[in-house]
Amino acid sequence: MTKKQTRSKTASILAAEEARDPEVAAELARTAVANQLAILVIQYRVDHDLTQTALARKLGMSQPAVARLEAGDHEPSVATLMRLARHLGITLKLQLSGDSAELVSA
């Protein structure tokens, strides 16, 4: 194949390849709940046409705290999950097993 004929890989293919690396897989597992919560918070904010500041007011927290939730870098506390469920009127289920954790919005 020449340079012009090289195949480009999609993001999902690259992610799947990277996830085969044990260190990457461990980090993905460690941050799974935080990433799932980030997606949920961003989706709620977009669906309700809220800024981070407006959502922060609704939740009784600071805008930087909402930004941290949306970044998905840190595991949320149970108290934070309860606050989100209460103030956003949603149900969150945290499913735990010996080697995985999953956050589900019901």
Protein backbone atom coordinates (compact mmCIF):
# COMPACT_ATOMS: atom_id res chain seq x y z
CA MET A 1 0.00 0.00 0.00
CA THR A 2 1.27 3.43 -0.82
CA LYS A 3 0.91 6.43 1.46
CA LYS A 4 -2.16 7.57 -0.44
CA GLN A 5 -3.79 4.17 -0.05
CA THR A 6 -3.35 3.81 3.71
CA ARG A 7 -6.50 2.89 5.54
CA SER A 8 -7.66 5.14 8.29
CA LYS A 9 -8.99 3.57 11.46
CA THR A 10 -12.15 4.70 13.17
CA ALA A 11 -12.11 5.85 16.77
CA SER A 12 -13.93 2.69 17.86
CA ILE A 13 -11.32 0.48 16.18
CA LEU A 14 -8.49 2.41 17.82
CA ALA A 15 -10.25 2.25 21.21
CA ALA A 16 -10.74 -1.51 20.88
CA GLU A 17 -7.07 -1.98 20.01
CA GLU A 18 -5.96 0.15 22.95
CA ALA A 19 -8.29 -1.68 25.35
CA ARG A 20 -6.33 -4.88 24.70
CA ASP A 21 -3.41 -3.33 26.57
CA PRO A 22 -3.74 -4.49 30.22
CA GLU A 23 -2.80 -1.06 31.62
CA VAL A 24 -5.34 0.71 29.41
CA ALA A 25 -7.99 -1.89 30.27
CA ALA A 26 -7.34 -1.41 33.98
CA GLU A 27 -7.68 2.38 33.67
CA LEU A 28 -10.91 2.03 31.68
CA ALA A 29 -12.32 -0.25 34.37
CA ARG A 30 -11.20 2.13 37.13
CA THR A 31 -12.88 5.14 35.54
CA ALA A 32 -15.97 3.37 34.10
CA VAL A 33 -18.48 4.81 36.59
CA ALA A 34 -17.00 8.31 36.33
CA ASN A 35 -17.18 8.17 32.53
CA GLN A 36 -20.75 6.86 32.57
CA LEU A 37 -21.75 9.63 34.97
CA ALA A 38 -20.02 12.24 32.79
CA ILE A 39 -22.08 11.15 29.80
CA LEU A 40 -25.28 11.20 31.86
CA VAL A 41 -24.62 14.69 33.28
CA ILE A 42 -23.67 16.15 29.90
CA GLN A 43 -26.73 14.58 28.27
CA TYR A 44 -29.03 15.94 31.00
CA ARG A 45 -27.53 19.41 30.67
CA VAL A 46 -27.88 19.41 26.88
CA ASP A 47 -31.42 17.98 26.96
CA HIS A 48 -32.49 20.69 29.41
CA ASP A 49 -30.56 23.50 27.69
CA LEU A 50 -28.53 24.30 30.82
CA THR A 51 -25.08 25.79 31.19
CA GLN A 52 -22.70 24.24 33.68
CA THR A 53 -23.40 27.21 35.96
CA ALA A 54 -27.18 26.74 35.74
CA LEU A 55 -26.85 23.02 36.44
CA ALA A 56 -24.53 23.77 39.35
CA ARG A 57 -27.16 26.07 40.88
CA LYS A 58 -29.82 23.37 40.44
CA LEU A 59 -27.56 20.85 42.18
CA GLY A 60 -26.35 23.20 44.91
CA MET A 61 -22.73 22.86 43.89
CA SER A 62 -20.13 24.98 42.14
CA GLN A 63 -19.60 25.20 38.39
CA PRO A 64 -16.08 23.71 38.71
CA ALA A 65 -17.63 20.71 40.52
CA VAL A 66 -19.98 20.16 37.57
CA ALA A 67 -17.03 20.52 35.18
CA ARG A 68 -15.15 17.82 37.14
CA LEU A 69 -18.18 15.51 36.92
CA GLU A 70 -18.35 16.09 33.17
CA ALA A 71 -14.63 15.42 32.76
CA GLY A 72 -15.15 11.89 34.08
CA ASP A 73 -11.74 11.70 35.70
CA HIS A 74 -12.72 11.04 39.33
CA GLU A 75 -15.05 8.48 40.84
CA PRO A 76 -18.13 10.18 42.31
CA SER A 77 -19.05 9.56 45.92
CA VAL A 78 -22.32 7.91 46.87
CA ALA A 79 -23.37 11.26 48.34
CA THR A 80 -22.79 12.92 44.96
CA LEU A 81 -24.78 10.23 43.17
CA MET A 82 -27.64 10.70 45.65
CA ARG A 83 -27.54 14.48 45.17
CA LEU A 84 -27.76 14.10 41.40
CA ALA A 85 -30.64 11.64 41.63
CA ARG A 86 -32.55 13.85 44.08
CA HIS A 87 -32.09 17.18 42.30
CA LEU A 88 -32.43 15.89 38.75
CA GLY A 89 -35.37 13.60 39.50
CA ILE A 90 -33.64 10.51 38.14
CA THR A 91 -32.90 7.04 39.44
CA LEU A 92 -29.31 5.81 39.39
CA LYS A 93 -28.33 2.19 39.93
CA LEU A 94 -24.75 1.25 40.71
CA GLN A 95 -24.09 -2.36 39.75
CA LEU A 96 -20.95 -3.83 41.27
CA SER A 97 -19.18 -7.12 40.72
CA GLY A 98 -15.75 -8.31 41.71
CA ASP A 99 -14.09 -6.88 38.64
CA SER A 100 -16.45 -4.25 37.26
CA ALA A 101 -18.78 -1.40 38.14
CA GLU A 102 -21.56 0.04 36.05
CA LEU A 103 -23.76 3.07 36.56
CA VAL A 104 -27.23 2.80 35.07
CA SER A 105 -29.84 5.53 34.80
CA ALA A 106 -33.23 3.89 35.21
